[in-house]
């Protein structure tokens, strides 16, 4: 899933050759237009129904990957789509896994830029700040949640109460709130063979770009959302036998040859840019959401099955060589 499927034929062919499996790009509606102007939860449901009806995917296991917001749809398939079998390997590339809180193309301005402040960047900063204020004011109204897809994963870190209560997609998908499928979402993530999250280190669309790896941005007063029993899900479950077997299975973990092949992508290409103002970036492992294992990422990480990789360049920019070296080895696990 990556804008229009017509633009992905080379990648599909590469993945077919690299995995020796059937590979297909799934598209709904009118490509980019549908991806923007259709409620995000409805997009995920439509892709799920298309996948369930596809004869080529009526099998015990499938791999799912998605680019940008398509990665959130890929996660929805893994967590919430009742396919015949199960998702084996899940991959998100450049996806706002912990939401976004700046208009597209404003990420570099919001992150801050090194060097001298020019008139151009000053004007853009004013424009981006104004656009952000307008979006934050309107985004959680039902009309925008129902008609503009990014509203479903817009994360206003200064108004997280509205985010967790009114954003129509991401708080549920991340198990940040209590809902009927908390256990299912976590169990399906834990029972993945691998979950790979890949970030673009010069991303100018997602803010903060570290959201691609589930890192979080604090509010202006330097605070994170505090998860407690009244507003988040405590799993409190025993590890089932299937999960225990998977955790103890050496074949489910990255082997030395695979580690060597993707080693070049395991470290950031750029030093993190300083965030303007009092906001701070908090690494995933330092958040209470991760420590409480709401989505199962801690379990995956502890068992070498949560893989975080980096790509140079901007949003949606990659070469076929990078795809061959990075995507194929993980999908073959």
Protein backbone atom coordinates (compact mmCIF):
# COMPACT_ATOMS: atom_id res chain seq x y z
CA UNK A 1 0.00 0.00 0.00
CA UNK A 2 1.79 3.11 -1.23
CA UNK A 3 -0.28 5.86 -2.95
CA UNK A 4 -1.38 4.54 -6.38
CA UNK A 5 -0.57 0.91 -7.11
CA UNK A 6 0.51 1.84 -10.65
CA UNK A 7 3.52 3.55 -9.06
CA UNK A 8 4.65 0.38 -7.30
CA UNK A 9 5.10 -2.17 -10.08
CA UNK A 10 8.91 -2.22 -9.78
CA UNK A 11 8.72 -2.76 -6.03
CA UNK A 12 6.11 -5.52 -6.39
CA UNK A 13 8.29 -7.32 -8.94
CA UNK A 14 11.36 -6.99 -6.71
CA UNK A 15 9.52 -8.42 -3.71
CA UNK A 16 8.14 -11.30 -5.78
CA UNK A 17 11.64 -12.27 -6.87
CA UNK A 18 13.14 -11.73 -3.44
CA UNK A 19 10.55 -13.72 -1.46
CA UNK A 20 9.40 -16.19 -4.13
CA UNK A 21 5.83 -15.48 -3.01
CA UNK A 22 2.75 -13.85 -4.51
CA UNK A 23 2.98 -10.09 -3.91
CA UNK A 24 0.26 -7.59 -4.68
CA UNK A 25 -0.47 -3.93 -4.00
CA UNK A 26 -4.00 -3.44 -2.67
CA UNK A 27 -5.74 -0.20 -3.59
CA UNK A 28 -9.19 1.08 -2.73
CA UNK A 29 -11.14 3.88 -4.33
CA UNK A 30 -9.20 6.55 -6.17
CA UNK A 31 -5.72 6.14 -4.73
CA UNK A 32 -4.41 9.36 -3.20
CA UNK A 33 -7.80 11.12 -3.16
CA UNK A 34 -9.43 8.28 -1.24
CA UNK A 35 -6.48 8.13 1.15
CA UNK A 36 -7.09 11.76 2.13
CA UNK A 37 -10.86 12.26 1.94
CA UNK A 38 -12.16 9.00 3.43
CA UNK A 39 -12.44 8.31 7.16
CA UNK A 40 -9.35 6.36 8.12
CA UNK A 41 -11.18 3.59 9.95
CA UNK A 42 -13.37 3.06 6.87
CA UNK A 43 -10.28 2.76 4.68
CA UNK A 44 -8.87 0.07 6.94
CA UNK A 45 -12.17 -1.85 6.87
CA UNK A 46 -12.38 -1.68 3.06
CA UNK A 47 -8.83 -2.99 2.66
CA UNK A 48 -9.60 -5.78 5.11
CA UNK A 49 -12.69 -6.85 3.14
CA UNK A 50 -10.73 -6.74 -0.13
CA UNK A 51 -8.00 -8.88 1.38
CA UNK A 52 -10.45 -11.44 2.79
CA UNK A 53 -12.13 -11.79 -0.62
CA UNK A 54 -8.84 -12.21 -2.52
CA UNK A 55 -8.29 -15.88 -3.51
CA UNK A 56 -4.49 -15.56 -3.46
CA UNK A 57 -4.44 -14.70 0.24
CA UNK A 58 -6.58 -17.56 1.55
CA UNK A 59 -3.57 -19.13 3.23
CA UNK A 60 -2.20 -19.88 6.68
CA UNK A 61 0.18 -16.92 6.82
CA UNK A 62 0.75 -13.66 4.93
CA UNK A 63 3.18 -10.77 5.20
CA UNK A 64 1.82 -7.23 5.23
CA UNK A 65 3.67 -3.97 4.63
CA UNK A 66 2.60 -0.38 4.11
CA UNK A 67 4.13 3.00 3.38
CA UNK A 68 3.26 6.21 5.22
CA UNK A 69 -0.35 6.03 6.48
CA UNK A 70 -0.61 2.73 4.59
CA UNK A 71 1.54 1.32 7.37
CA UNK A 72 -1.25 2.09 9.84
CA UNK A 73 -3.64 0.18 7.57
CA UNK A 74 -1.12 -2.68 7.51
CA UNK A 75 -1.14 -2.67 11.31
CA UNK A 76 -4.93 -2.69 11.27
CA UNK A 77 -4.85 -5.81 9.11
CA UNK A 78 -2.48 -7.49 11.56
CA UNK A 79 -4.44 -6.45 14.65
CA UNK A 80 -8.05 -6.30 13.57
CA UNK A 81 -8.71 -8.06 10.25
CA UNK A 82 -10.16 -11.56 10.61
CA UNK A 83 -8.41 -13.16 7.66
CA UNK A 84 -8.34 -16.93 7.14
CA UNK A 85 -4.83 -17.29 8.55
CA UNK A 86 -2.62 -14.79 10.37
CA UNK A 87 -0.07 -12.10 9.61
CA UNK A 88 3.45 -13.47 9.95
CA UNK A 89 5.68 -10.43 9.36
CA UNK A 90 4.43 -6.84 9.59
CA UNK A 91 6.37 -3.89 8.19
CA UNK A 92 5.62 -0.16 8.37
CA UNK A 93 7.74 2.27 6.35
CA UNK A 94 7.57 5.97 7.17
CA UNK A 95 4.36 5.54 9.15
CA UNK A 96 3.06 7.86 11.90
CA UNK A 97 2.83 5.02 14.42
CA UNK A 98 2.53 7.47 17.31
CA UNK A 99 0.61 10.03 15.26
CA UNK A 100 1.62 13.33 13.73
CA UNK A 101 1.16 16.84 15.05
CA UNK A 102 2.18 19.14 12.20
CA UNK A 103 0.82 19.77 8.69
CA UNK A 104 2.57 17.88 5.88
CA UNK A 105 5.80 19.51 4.73
CA UNK A 106 6.06 21.44 8.02
CA UNK A 107 8.01 18.78 9.90
CA UNK A 108 11.40 20.32 9.17
CA UNK A 109 10.17 23.75 10.30
CA UNK A 110 8.60 22.36 13.47
CA UNK A 111 11.68 20.27 14.24
CA UNK A 112 13.89 23.32 13.87
CA UNK A 113 16.73 23.69 11.44
CA UNK A 114 20.43 24.05 12.02
CA UNK A 115 22.15 27.19 10.87
CA UNK A 116 21.03 30.76 10.31
CA UNK A 117 17.34 31.61 10.40
CA UNK A 118 16.42 33.08 7.00
CA UNK A 119 13.43 35.16 5.98
CA UNK A 120 12.10 32.19 4.07
CA UNK A 121 12.21 29.85 7.06
CA UNK A 122 10.77 32.59 9.28
CA UNK A 123 7.75 33.05 6.99
CA UNK A 124 7.28 29.31 6.69
CA UNK A 125 7.48 28.96 10.46
CA UNK A 126 4.67 31.50 10.90
CA UNK A 127 2.56 29.75 8.26
CA UNK A 128 3.10 26.31 9.77
CA UNK A 129 2.35 27.54 13.28
CA UNK A 130 -0.90 29.14 12.08
CA UNK A 131 -1.91 26.03 10.14
CA UNK A 132 -1.17 23.85 13.16
CA UNK A 133 -3.31 26.07 15.39
CA UNK A 134 -6.26 25.89 12.95
CA UNK A 135 -6.00 22.10 12.66
CA UNK A 136 -5.73 21.63 16.42
CA UNK A 137 -8.85 23.75 16.88
CA UNK A 138 -10.97 21.77 14.40
CA UNK A 139 -9.51 18.30 14.01
CA UNK A 140 -11.42 16.48 16.75
CA UNK A 141 -14.88 17.61 15.63
CA UNK A 142 -16.93 14.74 14.20
CA UNK A 143 -17.12 16.25 10.71
CA UNK A 144 -13.34 16.23 10.30
CA UNK A 145 -12.92 12.82 11.90
CA UNK A 146 -15.52 11.42 9.51
CA UNK A 147 -14.21 13.03 6.31
CA UNK A 148 -10.46 13.65 6.51
CA UNK A 149 -8.34 10.57 7.07
CA UNK A 150 -5.27 12.13 8.79
CA UNK A 151 -7.62 13.42 11.50
CA UNK A 152 -7.84 9.83 12.73
CA UNK A 153 -4.17 9.82 13.69
CA UNK A 154 -3.61 13.51 14.45
CA UNK A 155 -2.02 13.68 17.92
CA UNK A 156 -2.26 17.08 19.58
CA UNK A 157 0.22 16.60 22.41
CA UNK A 158 -1.12 19.69 24.20
CA UNK A 159 -4.66 18.31 24.14
CA UNK A 160 -4.23 14.58 24.62
CA UNK A 161 -7.56 14.26 26.41
CA UNK A 162 -9.33 15.17 23.17
CA UNK A 163 -6.99 12.93 21.20
CA UNK A 164 -7.66 9.79 23.23
CA UNK A 165 -11.40 10.47 23.45
CA UNK A 166 -12.17 11.77 19.96
CA UNK A 167 -9.53 10.65 17.44
CA UNK A 168 -11.30 7.88 15.56
CA UNK A 169 -8.43 5.52 14.79
CA UNK A 170 -4.99 5.68 16.39
CA UNK A 171 -5.84 5.72 20.14
CA UNK A 172 -7.74 2.47 19.62
CA UNK A 173 -5.12 0.89 17.35
CA UNK A 174 -2.40 1.73 19.89
CA UNK A 175 -4.43 0.45 22.86
CA UNK A 176 -4.18 3.89 24.47
CA UNK A 177 -7.80 3.66 25.61
CA UNK A 178 -10.07 0.92 26.90
CA UNK A 179 -12.08 -0.71 24.14
CA UNK A 180 -13.55 -4.18 23.44
CA UNK A 181 -10.60 -5.35 21.32
CA UNK A 182 -7.71 -4.48 23.66
CA UNK A 183 -6.79 -8.12 24.24
CA UNK A 184 -7.12 -9.09 20.58
CA UNK A 185 -4.95 -6.22 19.37
CA UNK A 186 -2.17 -6.97 21.84
CA UNK A 187 -2.25 -10.73 21.36
CA UNK A 188 -2.08 -10.43 17.59
CA UNK A 189 0.91 -8.12 17.80
CA UNK A 190 2.69 -10.44 20.22
CA UNK A 191 2.08 -13.42 17.96
CA UNK A 192 3.72 -11.78 14.95
CA UNK A 193 6.95 -13.39 13.86
CA UNK A 194 8.48 -9.92 13.41
CA UNK A 195 7.32 -6.31 13.43
CA UNK A 196 9.64 -3.98 11.53
CA UNK A 197 9.26 -0.18 11.72
CA UNK A 198 11.38 1.79 9.26
CA UNK A 199 11.87 5.56 9.44
CA UNK A 200 13.10 8.17 7.00
CA UNK A 201 15.66 10.23 8.85
CA UNK A 202 15.02 13.45 6.89
CA UNK A 203 11.25 13.09 6.80
CA UNK A 204 9.52 16.41 6.06
CA UNK A 205 5.95 15.08 6.36
CA UNK A 206 5.66 13.39 9.77
CA UNK A 207 6.25 15.37 12.96
CA UNK A 208 7.91 14.28 15.05
CA UNK A 209 9.62 11.99 12.55
CA UNK A 210 10.57 9.73 15.47
CA UNK A 211 6.88 8.77 15.67
CA UNK A 212 7.77 6.25 12.99
CA UNK A 213 9.58 4.33 15.75
CA UNK A 214 6.90 5.05 18.41
CA UNK A 215 8.91 7.75 20.22
CA UNK A 216 6.74 10.46 21.77
CA UNK A 217 6.78 14.25 21.92
CA UNK A 218 6.01 15.99 25.19
CA UNK A 219 3.58 18.85 25.63
CA UNK A 220 4.74 22.45 26.03
CA UNK A 221 5.06 21.91 29.78
CA UNK A 222 7.36 18.94 29.16
CA UNK A 223 4.86 16.24 30.11
CA UNK A 224 3.73 13.01 28.46
CA UNK A 225 0.28 11.55 28.64
CA UNK A 226 0.05 9.58 31.90
CA UNK A 227 -1.46 6.15 31.42
CA UNK A 228 -3.44 4.94 34.39
CA UNK A 229 -6.22 2.49 35.10
CA UNK A 230 -9.02 4.91 34.24
CA UNK A 231 -7.90 5.70 30.71
CA UNK A 232 -5.80 2.86 29.42
CA UNK A 233 -5.82 -0.88 29.15
CA UNK A 234 -3.97 -3.07 31.66
CA UNK A 235 -3.49 -6.42 29.96
CA UNK A 236 -2.64 -8.65 32.96
CA UNK A 237 -2.67 -11.83 30.88
CA UNK A 238 -0.62 -14.99 31.04
CA UNK A 239 1.56 -15.69 28.01
CA UNK A 240 -0.24 -18.40 26.03
CA UNK A 241 1.56 -21.51 24.81
CA UNK A 242 1.65 -20.40 21.17
CA UNK A 243 3.36 -17.16 22.15
CA UNK A 244 5.73 -18.99 24.51
CA UNK A 245 6.75 -21.37 21.71
CA UNK A 246 7.34 -18.45 19.36
CA UNK A 247 9.46 -16.59 21.90
CA UNK A 248 11.63 -19.67 22.43
CA UNK A 249 11.94 -20.53 18.73
CA UNK A 250 15.36 -19.50 17.37
CA UNK A 251 14.02 -19.63 13.81
CA UNK A 252 11.69 -16.71 14.62
CA UNK A 253 14.57 -14.37 15.43
CA UNK A 254 17.05 -12.57 13.22
CA UNK A 255 19.94 -14.83 12.33
CA UNK A 256 23.54 -13.61 12.02
CA UNK A 257 23.48 -13.45 8.23
CA UNK A 258 20.28 -11.41 8.26
CA UNK A 259 21.60 -9.13 11.00
CA UNK A 260 24.71 -8.45 8.93
CA UNK A 261 22.68 -7.72 5.80
CA UNK A 262 20.55 -5.02 7.46
CA UNK A 263 23.19 -3.76 9.89
CA UNK A 264 23.83 -0.65 7.77
CA UNK A 265 20.22 0.42 8.34
CA UNK A 266 20.19 -0.02 12.13
CA UNK A 267 21.58 3.41 13.03
CA UNK A 268 20.33 6.93 12.28
CA UNK A 269 21.78 8.70 9.27
CA UNK A 270 21.30 12.12 10.83
CA UNK A 271 21.72 13.42 14.32
CA UNK A 272 18.28 14.28 15.78
CA UNK A 273 17.58 17.96 15.24
CA UNK A 274 16.84 20.07 18.29
CA UNK A 275 13.15 20.61 18.87
CA UNK A 276 12.22 24.28 19.12
CA UNK A 277 10.83 25.35 22.46
CA UNK A 278 10.46 23.34 25.66
CA UNK A 279 9.18 20.16 24.01
CA UNK A 280 11.26 17.01 24.33
CA UNK A 281 11.41 13.73 22.49
CA UNK A 282 11.04 10.71 24.74
CA UNK A 283 12.37 7.38 23.44
CA UNK A 284 9.84 4.57 23.30
CA UNK A 285 11.51 2.52 26.03
CA UNK A 286 11.17 5.40 28.52
CA UNK A 287 7.39 5.77 28.14
CA UNK A 288 4.86 4.24 30.52
CA UNK A 289 2.87 3.06 27.50
CA UNK A 290 5.80 0.85 26.44
CA UNK A 291 6.66 -0.28 29.98
CA UNK A 292 3.08 -1.40 30.59
CA UNK A 293 3.26 -3.34 27.29
CA UNK A 294 -0.16 -2.14 26.17
CA UNK A 295 0.44 -3.12 22.55
CA UNK A 296 2.94 -5.92 23.13
CA UNK A 297 5.95 -4.02 21.77
CA UNK A 298 7.98 -4.69 24.91
CA UNK A 299 7.38 -8.41 24.58
CA UNK A 300 8.35 -8.31 20.91
CA UNK A 301 11.43 -6.23 21.66
CA UNK A 302 12.55 -8.43 24.55
CA UNK A 303 12.44 -11.40 22.17
CA UNK A 304 14.34 -9.77 19.29
CA UNK A 305 11.22 -9.53 17.11
CA UNK A 306 10.68 -5.75 17.06
CA UNK A 307 13.09 -4.33 14.48
CA UNK A 308 13.65 -0.58 14.03
CA UNK A 309 15.55 0.51 10.94
CA UNK A 310 16.54 3.82 9.34
CA UNK A 311 16.62 5.05 5.75
CA UNK A 312 18.30 8.20 4.51
CA UNK A 313 16.31 10.82 2.70
CA UNK A 314 12.82 12.26 2.78
CA UNK A 315 9.36 10.78 3.02
CA UNK A 316 8.57 8.07 0.44
CA UNK A 317 12.04 8.29 -1.11
CA UNK A 318 13.92 5.01 -1.46
CA UNK A 319 15.86 3.03 -4.05
CA UNK A 320 15.30 -0.51 -5.26
CA UNK A 321 18.71 -1.40 -3.78
CA UNK A 322 17.53 -0.23 -0.36
CA UNK A 323 14.32 -2.23 -0.76
CA UNK A 324 16.28 -5.33 -1.72
CA UNK A 325 18.71 -5.00 1.19
CA UNK A 326 16.18 -3.97 3.82
CA UNK A 327 12.68 -5.20 3.00
CA UNK A 328 13.39 -8.62 1.51
CA UNK A 329 15.48 -10.14 4.36
CA UNK A 330 12.86 -9.28 6.98
CA UNK A 331 9.95 -10.53 4.85
CA UNK A 332 11.79 -13.83 4.42
CA UNK A 333 11.98 -14.47 8.17
